Amino acid sequence: MGEYSLGDAIQQFLKKSRLKGSIQALQIEDVWESIMGKTVARYTESIKIYGDKLYIKTTVAPLKQELMYQKENIIQRVNQALGEKTIKEVIIQ
C-alpha cells in the first residue's frame, strides 16, 4: 500500500463519493459574488451542482434572461474557480 498525503487521500475519497457535488456547490456559493458580481449574487436564491450541471435559481426575470446569455461565461468562470472542468451545462430556474 502506497503512502498518500492527507490532501491526496481526501481528493481520492471525494472522486469516488457522492459528496463531491455538495462540496463543490459550497465552494461556488463562497465565491459566487466574486465570480458574478454583487447584484447577481444578491438575487440568486440557490446554486446546486448535480453531476456536471450547475443549477442557478432566481425569481428575477431580467436576471434569468441575462444569465441565459452568459451560460458559456458562467461555465468558464465556475470551472476556473473549482480548478477543474466539472461543469458542462448551466440550467437557469
C-alpha atoms as a PDB file:
ATOM      1  CA  MET A   1       0.000   0.000   0.000  1.00  0.00           C
ATOM      2  CA  GLY A   2       1.410   3.362  -1.036  1.00  0.00           C
ATOM      3  CA  GLU A   3       1.655   6.458   1.086  1.00  0.00           C
ATOM      4  CA  TYR A   4      -0.654   9.386   0.416  1.00  0.00           C
ATOM      5  CA  SER A   5      -0.764  12.856   1.863  1.00  0.00           C
ATOM      6  CA  LEU A   6      -3.957  13.758   3.676  1.00  0.00           C
ATOM      7  CA  GLY A   7      -4.962  16.101   0.832  1.00  0.00           C
ATOM      8  CA  ASP A   8      -4.466  13.361  -1.782  1.00  0.00           C
ATOM      9  CA  ALA A   9      -6.451  10.880   0.309  1.00  0.00           C
ATOM     10  CA  ILE A  10      -9.347  13.349   0.641  1.00  0.00           C
ATOM     11  CA  GLN A  11      -9.293  14.050  -3.119  1.00  0.00           C
ATOM     12  CA  GLN A  12      -9.406  10.303  -3.848  1.00  0.00           C
ATOM     13  CA  PHE A  13     -12.325   9.884  -1.449  1.00  0.00           C
ATOM     14  CA  LEU A  14     -14.274  12.783  -2.975  1.00  0.00           C
ATOM     15  CA  LYS A  15     -13.807  11.469  -6.519  1.00  0.00           C
ATOM     16  CA  LYS A  16     -15.498   8.230  -5.501  1.00  0.00           C
ATOM     17  CA  SER A  17     -18.231   9.619  -3.235  1.00  0.00           C
ATOM     18  CA  ARG A  18     -21.478  11.471  -3.810  1.00  0.00           C
ATOM     19  CA  LEU A  19     -20.299  14.322  -1.585  1.00  0.00           C
ATOM     20  CA  LYS A  20     -18.203  15.919  -4.322  1.00  0.00           C
ATOM     21  CA  GLY A  21     -21.091  17.889  -5.871  1.00  0.00           C
ATOM     22  CA  SER A  22     -22.241  19.172  -2.488  1.00  0.00           C
ATOM     23  CA  ILE A  23     -18.773  20.313  -1.516  1.00  0.00           C
ATOM     24  CA  GLN A  24     -18.264  21.987  -4.884  1.00  0.00           C
ATOM     25  CA  ALA A  25     -21.624  23.751  -4.534  1.00  0.00           C
ATOM     26  CA  LEU A  26     -20.463  25.118  -1.181  1.00  0.00           C
ATOM     27  CA  GLN A  27     -17.229  26.304  -2.786  1.00  0.00           C
ATOM     28  CA  ILE A  28     -19.182  28.050  -5.540  1.00  0.00           C
ATOM     29  CA  GLU A  29     -21.523  29.715  -3.027  1.00  0.00           C
ATOM     30  CA  ASP A  30     -18.483  31.128  -1.225  1.00  0.00           C
ATOM     31  CA  VAL A  31     -17.039  32.725  -4.373  1.00  0.00           C
ATOM     32  CA  TRP A  32     -20.274  33.381  -6.329  1.00  0.00           C
ATOM     33  CA  GLU A  33     -20.199  37.115  -5.578  1.00  0.00           C
ATOM     34  CA  SER A  34     -16.620  37.489  -6.793  1.00  0.00           C
ATOM     35  CA  ILE A  35     -17.382  35.410  -9.907  1.00  0.00           C
ATOM     36  CA  MET A  36     -20.643  37.108 -10.943  1.00  0.00           C
ATOM     37  CA  GLY A  37     -20.791  40.381  -9.001  1.00  0.00           C
ATOM     38  CA  LYS A  38     -22.786  41.705  -6.050  1.00  0.00           C
ATOM     39  CA  THR A  39     -26.079  42.265  -7.871  1.00  0.00           C
ATOM     40  CA  VAL A  40     -26.254  38.765  -9.349  1.00  0.00           C
ATOM     41  CA  ALA A  41     -25.225  37.205  -6.033  1.00  0.00           C
ATOM     42  CA  ARG A  42     -27.868  39.193  -4.136  1.00  0.00           C
ATOM     43  CA  TYR A  43     -30.720  37.964  -6.355  1.00  0.00           C
ATOM     44  CA  THR A  44     -29.537  34.367  -6.709  1.00  0.00           C
ATOM     45  CA  GLU A  45     -31.648  32.185  -4.426  1.00  0.00           C
ATOM     46  CA  SER A  46     -29.687  28.943  -4.689  1.00  0.00           C
ATOM     47  CA  ILE A  47     -26.834  27.238  -6.519  1.00  0.00           C
ATOM     48  CA  LYS A  48     -26.670  23.449  -6.807  1.00  0.00           C
ATOM     49  CA  ILE A  49     -24.458  21.014  -8.675  1.00  0.00           C
ATOM     50  CA  TYR A  50     -25.773  17.643  -9.845  1.00  0.00           C
ATOM     51  CA  GLY A  51     -23.258  15.691 -11.880  1.00  0.00           C
ATOM     52  CA  ASP A  52     -21.855  18.073 -14.492  1.00  0.00           C
ATOM     53  CA  LYS A  53     -24.782  20.535 -14.330  1.00  0.00           C
ATOM     54  CA  LEU A  54     -24.936  23.791 -12.386  1.00  0.00           C
ATOM     55  CA  TYR A  55     -28.458  24.830 -11.361  1.00  0.00           C
ATOM     56  CA  ILE A  56     -28.994  28.517 -10.626  1.00  0.00           C
ATOM     57  CA  LYS A  57     -32.317  29.577  -9.119  1.00  0.00           C
ATOM     58  CA  THR A  58     -33.672  33.132  -9.175  1.00  0.00           C
ATOM     59  CA  THR A  59     -37.123  34.716  -9.329  1.00  0.00           C
ATOM     60  CA  VAL A  60     -35.937  37.905 -11.046  1.00  0.00           C
ATOM     61  CA  ALA A  61     -36.941  37.647 -14.724  1.00  0.00           C
ATOM     62  CA  PRO A  62     -34.381  40.121 -16.138  1.00  0.00           C
ATOM     63  CA  LEU A  63     -31.611  38.319 -14.243  1.00  0.00           C
ATOM     64  CA  LYS A  64     -32.759  34.971 -15.653  1.00  0.00           C
ATOM     65  CA  GLN A  65     -32.533  36.431 -19.149  1.00  0.00           C
ATOM     66  CA  GLU A  66     -29.059  37.850 -18.526  1.00  0.00           C
ATOM     67  CA  LEU A  67     -27.823  34.538 -17.088  1.00  0.00           C
ATOM     68  CA  MET A  68     -29.182  32.709 -20.155  1.00  0.00           C
ATOM     69  CA  TYR A  69     -26.955  34.868 -22.365  1.00  0.00           C
ATOM     70  CA  GLN A  70     -23.923  34.298 -20.133  1.00  0.00           C
ATOM     71  CA  LYS A  71     -24.049  30.499 -19.805  1.00  0.00           C
ATOM     72  CA  GLU A  72     -20.688  29.852 -21.502  1.00  0.00           C
ATOM     73  CA  ASN A  73     -19.057  32.601 -19.452  1.00  0.00           C
ATOM     74  CA  ILE A  74     -20.527  31.146 -16.231  1.00  0.00           C
ATOM     75  CA  ILE A  75     -19.238  27.661 -17.095  1.00  0.00           C
ATOM     76  CA  GLN A  76     -15.773  29.050 -17.730  1.00  0.00           C
ATOM     77  CA  ARG A  77     -15.657  31.120 -14.524  1.00  0.00           C
ATOM     78  CA  VAL A  78     -17.035  28.373 -12.284  1.00  0.00           C
ATOM     79  CA  ASN A  79     -14.663  25.749 -13.662  1.00  0.00           C
ATOM     80  CA  GLN A  80     -11.772  28.154 -13.137  1.00  0.00           C
ATOM     81  CA  ALA A  81     -12.879  28.741  -9.527  1.00  0.00           C
ATOM     82  CA  LEU A  82     -13.124  24.979  -8.913  1.00  0.00           C
ATOM     83  CA  GLY A  83      -9.759  24.334 -10.531  1.00  0.00           C
ATOM     84  CA  GLU A  84     -11.120  21.618 -12.814  1.00  0.00           C
ATOM     85  CA  LYS A  85     -13.581  21.192 -15.669  1.00  0.00           C
ATOM     86  CA  THR A  86     -16.532  19.975 -13.641  1.00  0.00           C
ATOM     87  CA  ILE A  87     -19.440  21.995 -15.053  1.00  0.00           C
ATOM     88  CA  LYS A  88     -20.547  21.350 -18.633  1.00  0.00           C
ATOM     89  CA  GLU A  89     -24.055  22.816 -18.547  1.00  0.00           C
ATOM     90  CA  VAL A  90     -25.837  25.649 -16.729  1.00  0.00           C
ATOM     91  CA  ILE A  91     -29.571  25.446 -16.055  1.00  0.00           C
ATOM     92  CA  ILE A  92     -31.406  28.609 -15.003  1.00  0.00           C
ATOM     93  CA  GLN A  93     -34.542  28.094 -12.918  1.00  0.00           C
END
